[in-house]
Amino acid sequence: MKKLSIAILITFFMTTAQASELVYTPVNPNFGGSPLNGSHLLNSANAQNTYKDPSSSSSSYERPSALERFASSLESRLLSQLMTDIGNGNTGSMVTDDYIIDITDDGGALTVMITDLATNESTEIQVNGLDPNN
């Protein structure tokens, strides 16, 4: 009787097992996952990253002041104007905090001398055969 009741209980609790295929869907967008997961994965990785770059300074990044941004913008504008003048056959020089640029025209050969003030190294660029009348 005991065996019969155990068999009835096992039969009662037995159900048909159903199975389907397992389908793997990658999470990482680099391996075929949804591109919408990219920012989440990057943020998670950055939050877990405890590595500190030893070559970086201990202070946080400071934005340049308005005066520094203006000086940089002005320097870029002057360099752009100097390059335009080179194209027009004009010569001259420009001195900044970091370097000196001298442009000379030696009878059709344009010479640009760039001197780094920090290291005192010079670079000379020569372009031969320039004729402004062509």
C-alpha atoms as a PDB file:
ATOM      1  CA  MET A   1       0.000   0.000   0.000  1.00  0.00           C
ATOM      2  CA  LYS A   2       2.812   2.387   0.810  1.00  0.00           C
ATOM      3  CA  LYS A   3       4.408   1.804  -2.577  1.00  0.00           C
ATOM      4  CA  LEU A   4       1.121   2.298  -4.311  1.00  0.00           C
ATOM      5  CA  SER A   5       0.478   5.645  -2.632  1.00  0.00           C
ATOM      6  CA  ILE A   6       3.986   6.840  -3.539  1.00  0.00           C
ATOM      7  CA  ALA A   7       3.412   5.839  -7.157  1.00  0.00           C
ATOM      8  CA  ILE A   8       0.092   7.695  -7.196  1.00  0.00           C
ATOM      9  CA  LEU A   9       1.697  10.800  -5.705  1.00  0.00           C
ATOM     10  CA  ILE A  10       4.528  10.720  -8.257  1.00  0.00           C
ATOM     11  CA  THR A  11       2.031  10.288 -11.100  1.00  0.00           C
ATOM     12  CA  PHE A  12      -0.134  13.095  -9.708  1.00  0.00           C
ATOM     13  CA  PHE A  13       2.740  15.582  -9.537  1.00  0.00           C
ATOM     14  CA  MET A  14       4.236  14.569 -12.844  1.00  0.00           C
ATOM     15  CA  THR A  15       3.483  16.911 -15.674  1.00  0.00           C
ATOM     16  CA  THR A  16       4.688  16.927 -19.181  1.00  0.00           C
ATOM     17  CA  ALA A  17       7.911  18.810 -19.637  1.00  0.00           C
ATOM     18  CA  GLN A  18       8.005  21.293 -22.452  1.00  0.00           C
ATOM     19  CA  ALA A  19      11.177  22.720 -23.855  1.00  0.00           C
ATOM     20  CA  SER A  20      12.169  25.100 -26.582  1.00  0.00           C
ATOM     21  CA  GLU A  21      15.403  26.153 -28.172  1.00  0.00           C
ATOM     22  CA  LEU A  22      17.755  28.299 -26.174  1.00  0.00           C
ATOM     23  CA  VAL A  23      18.455  31.527 -28.058  1.00  0.00           C
ATOM     24  CA  TYR A  24      21.489  33.544 -27.075  1.00  0.00           C
ATOM     25  CA  THR A  25      21.147  37.289 -27.493  1.00  0.00           C
ATOM     26  CA  PRO A  26      24.372  39.227 -26.884  1.00  0.00           C
ATOM     27  CA  VAL A  27      24.263  42.302 -24.675  1.00  0.00           C
ATOM     28  CA  ASN A  28      27.426  44.049 -25.840  1.00  0.00           C
ATOM     29  CA  PRO A  29      26.869  46.056 -29.054  1.00  0.00           C
ATOM     30  CA  ASN A  30      30.384  45.100 -30.233  1.00  0.00           C
ATOM     31  CA  PHE A  31      29.207  41.508 -30.482  1.00  0.00           C
ATOM     32  CA  GLY A  32      25.805  42.068 -32.069  1.00  0.00           C
ATOM     33  CA  GLY A  33      23.822  43.339 -29.105  1.00  0.00           C
ATOM     34  CA  SER A  34      21.542  46.325 -29.097  1.00  0.00           C
ATOM     35  CA  PRO A  35      23.330  49.645 -29.725  1.00  0.00           C
ATOM     36  CA  LEU A  36      21.175  51.147 -26.980  1.00  0.00           C
ATOM     37  CA  ASN A  37      23.177  49.137 -24.420  1.00  0.00           C
ATOM     38  CA  GLY A  38      26.441  50.910 -25.281  1.00  0.00           C
ATOM     39  CA  SER A  39      26.153  53.928 -22.997  1.00  0.00           C
ATOM     40  CA  HIS A  40      24.912  51.799 -20.102  1.00  0.00           C
ATOM     41  CA  LEU A  41      27.840  49.388 -20.433  1.00  0.00           C
ATOM     42  CA  LEU A  42      30.353  52.236 -20.700  1.00  0.00           C
ATOM     43  CA  ASN A  43      28.938  53.982 -17.632  1.00  0.00           C
ATOM     44  CA  SER A  44      29.033  50.723 -15.681  1.00  0.00           C
ATOM     45  CA  ALA A  45      32.642  50.114 -16.690  1.00  0.00           C
ATOM     46  CA  ASN A  46      33.662  53.649 -15.734  1.00  0.00           C
ATOM     47  CA  ALA A  47      31.922  53.335 -12.369  1.00  0.00           C
ATOM     48  CA  GLN A  48      33.871  50.145 -11.621  1.00  0.00           C
ATOM     49  CA  ASN A  49      37.205  51.488 -12.864  1.00  0.00           C
ATOM     50  CA  THR A  50      39.502  52.159  -9.908  1.00  0.00           C
ATOM     51  CA  TYR A  51      42.649  52.681 -12.002  1.00  0.00           C
ATOM     52  CA  LYS A  52      44.221  56.104 -11.681  1.00  0.00           C
ATOM     53  CA  ASP A  53      46.650  57.277 -14.343  1.00  0.00           C
ATOM     54  CA  PRO A  54      49.984  57.872 -12.588  1.00  0.00           C
ATOM     55  CA  SER A  55      51.092  60.415 -15.190  1.00  0.00           C
ATOM     56  CA  SER A  56      48.085  62.655 -14.647  1.00  0.00           C
ATOM     57  CA  SER A  57      48.203  65.425 -12.105  1.00  0.00           C
ATOM     58  CA  SER A  58      46.396  64.938  -8.840  1.00  0.00           C
ATOM     59  CA  SER A  59      44.323  68.057  -9.372  1.00  0.00           C
ATOM     60  CA  SER A  60      41.192  67.909 -11.436  1.00  0.00           C
ATOM     61  CA  TYR A  61      40.953  69.468 -14.874  1.00  0.00           C
ATOM     62  CA  GLU A  62      40.513  73.216 -14.771  1.00  0.00           C
ATOM     63  CA  ARG A  63      38.826  75.053 -17.587  1.00  0.00           C
ATOM     64  CA  PRO A  64      40.865  77.850 -19.125  1.00  0.00           C
ATOM     65  CA  SER A  65      39.829  81.334 -18.127  1.00  0.00           C
ATOM     66  CA  ALA A  66      38.084  83.670 -20.536  1.00  0.00           C
ATOM     67  CA  LEU A  67      41.347  85.564 -21.037  1.00  0.00           C
ATOM     68  CA  GLU A  68      43.253  82.355 -21.874  1.00  0.00           C
ATOM     69  CA  ARG A  69      40.538  81.313 -24.340  1.00  0.00           C
ATOM     70  CA  PHE A  70      40.632  84.763 -25.961  1.00  0.00           C
ATOM     71  CA  ALA A  71      44.440  84.655 -26.248  1.00  0.00           C
ATOM     72  CA  SER A  72      44.282  81.199 -27.813  1.00  0.00           C
ATOM     73  CA  SER A  73      41.600  82.317 -30.252  1.00  0.00           C
ATOM     74  CA  LEU A  74      43.579  85.428 -31.182  1.00  0.00           C
ATOM     75  CA  GLU A  75      46.740  83.369 -31.707  1.00  0.00           C
ATOM     76  CA  SER A  76      44.843  80.954 -33.964  1.00  0.00           C
ATOM     77  CA  ARG A  77      43.441  83.862 -35.953  1.00  0.00           C
ATOM     78  CA  LEU A  78      46.897  85.420 -36.380  1.00  0.00           C
ATOM     79  CA  LEU A  79      48.368  82.104 -37.515  1.00  0.00           C
ATOM     80  CA  SER A  80      45.537  81.719 -40.006  1.00  0.00           C
ATOM     81  CA  GLN A  81      46.168  85.223 -41.347  1.00  0.00           C
ATOM     82  CA  LEU A  82      49.896  84.468 -41.567  1.00  0.00           C
ATOM     83  CA  MET A  83      49.192  81.344 -43.613  1.00  0.00           C
ATOM     84  CA  THR A  84      46.921  83.373 -45.913  1.00  0.00           C
ATOM     85  CA  ASP A  85      49.704  85.919 -46.352  1.00  0.00           C
ATOM     86  CA  ILE A  86      52.103  83.125 -47.302  1.00  0.00           C
ATOM     87  CA  GLY A  87      49.721  82.080 -50.055  1.00  0.00           C
ATOM     88  CA  ASN A  88      49.688  85.668 -51.340  1.00  0.00           C
ATOM     89  CA  GLY A  89      53.495  85.857 -51.467  1.00  0.00           C
ATOM     90  CA  ASN A  90      53.899  88.135 -48.431  1.00  0.00           C
ATOM     91  CA  THR A  91      56.667  87.658 -45.877  1.00  0.00           C
ATOM     92  CA  GLY A  92      56.964  88.482 -42.196  1.00  0.00           C
ATOM     93  CA  SER A  93      57.339  87.044 -38.745  1.00  0.00           C
ATOM     94  CA  MET A  94      55.213  86.239 -35.725  1.00  0.00           C
ATOM     95  CA  VAL A  95      56.255  85.729 -32.114  1.00  0.00           C
ATOM     96  CA  THR A  96      54.058  83.846 -29.614  1.00  0.00           C
ATOM     97  CA  ASP A  97      54.671  82.497 -26.121  1.00  0.00           C
ATOM     98  CA  ASP A  98      55.708  79.130 -27.570  1.00  0.00           C
ATOM     99  CA  TYR A  99      57.454  79.809 -30.860  1.00  0.00           C
ATOM    100  CA  ILE A 100      58.755  82.266 -33.455  1.00  0.00           C
ATOM    101  CA  ILE A 101      57.746  81.981 -37.116  1.00  0.00           C
ATOM    102  CA  ASP A 102      59.854  83.786 -39.746  1.00  0.00           C
ATOM    103  CA  ILE A 103      58.806  83.788 -43.395  1.00  0.00           C
ATOM    104  CA  THR A 104      61.194  84.974 -46.088  1.00  0.00           C
ATOM    105  CA  ASP A 105      61.039  84.965 -49.877  1.00  0.00           C
ATOM    106  CA  ASP A 106      64.450  84.417 -51.487  1.00  0.00           C
ATOM    107  CA  GLY A 107      63.755  85.028 -55.151  1.00  0.00           C
ATOM    108  CA  GLY A 108      60.992  82.481 -55.660  1.00  0.00           C
ATOM    109  CA  ALA A 109      62.003  80.130 -52.837  1.00  0.00           C
ATOM    110  CA  LEU A 110      59.808  80.534 -49.771  1.00  0.00           C
ATOM    111  CA  THR A 111      61.490  79.734 -46.440  1.00  0.00           C
ATOM    112  CA  VAL A 112      59.533  79.251 -43.208  1.00  0.00           C
ATOM    113  CA  MET A 113      61.663  79.030 -40.043  1.00  0.00           C
ATOM    114  CA  ILE A 114      59.849  77.845 -36.902  1.00  0.00           C
ATOM    115  CA  THR A 115      61.753  78.146 -33.599  1.00  0.00           C
ATOM    116  CA  ASP A 116      60.439  76.510 -30.419  1.00  0.00           C
ATOM    117  CA  LEU A 117      61.186  78.875 -27.546  1.00  0.00           C
ATOM    118  CA  ALA A 118      60.967  76.154 -24.871  1.00  0.00           C
ATOM    119  CA  THR A 119      63.605  73.858 -26.419  1.00  0.00           C
ATOM    120  CA  ASN A 120      65.339  76.318 -28.786  1.00  0.00           C
ATOM    121  CA  GLU A 121      64.880  73.792 -31.622  1.00  0.00           C
ATOM    122  CA  SER A 122      64.338  75.121 -35.126  1.00  0.00           C
ATOM    123  CA  THR A 123      62.549  73.682 -38.108  1.00  0.00           C
ATOM    124  CA  GLU A 124      63.081  75.063 -41.591  1.00  0.00           C
ATOM    125  CA  ILE A 125      60.626  74.506 -44.405  1.00  0.00           C
ATOM    126  CA  GLN A 126      61.621  75.479 -47.940  1.00  0.00           C
ATOM    127  CA  VAL A 127      59.289  75.624 -50.907  1.00  0.00           C
ATOM    128  CA  ASN A 128      61.103  76.197 -54.192  1.00  0.00           C
ATOM    129  CA  GLY A 129      59.723  77.536 -57.448  1.00  0.00           C
ATOM    130  CA  LEU A 130      57.073  79.893 -56.128  1.00  0.00           C
ATOM    131  CA  ASP A 131      56.217  82.581 -58.602  1.00  0.00           C
ATOM    132  CA  PRO A 132      53.389  84.885 -57.503  1.00  0.00           C
ATOM    133  CA  ASN A 133      52.824  85.928 -61.143  1.00  0.00           C
ATOM    134  CA  ASN A 134      51.747  82.386 -62.172  1.00  0.00           C
END
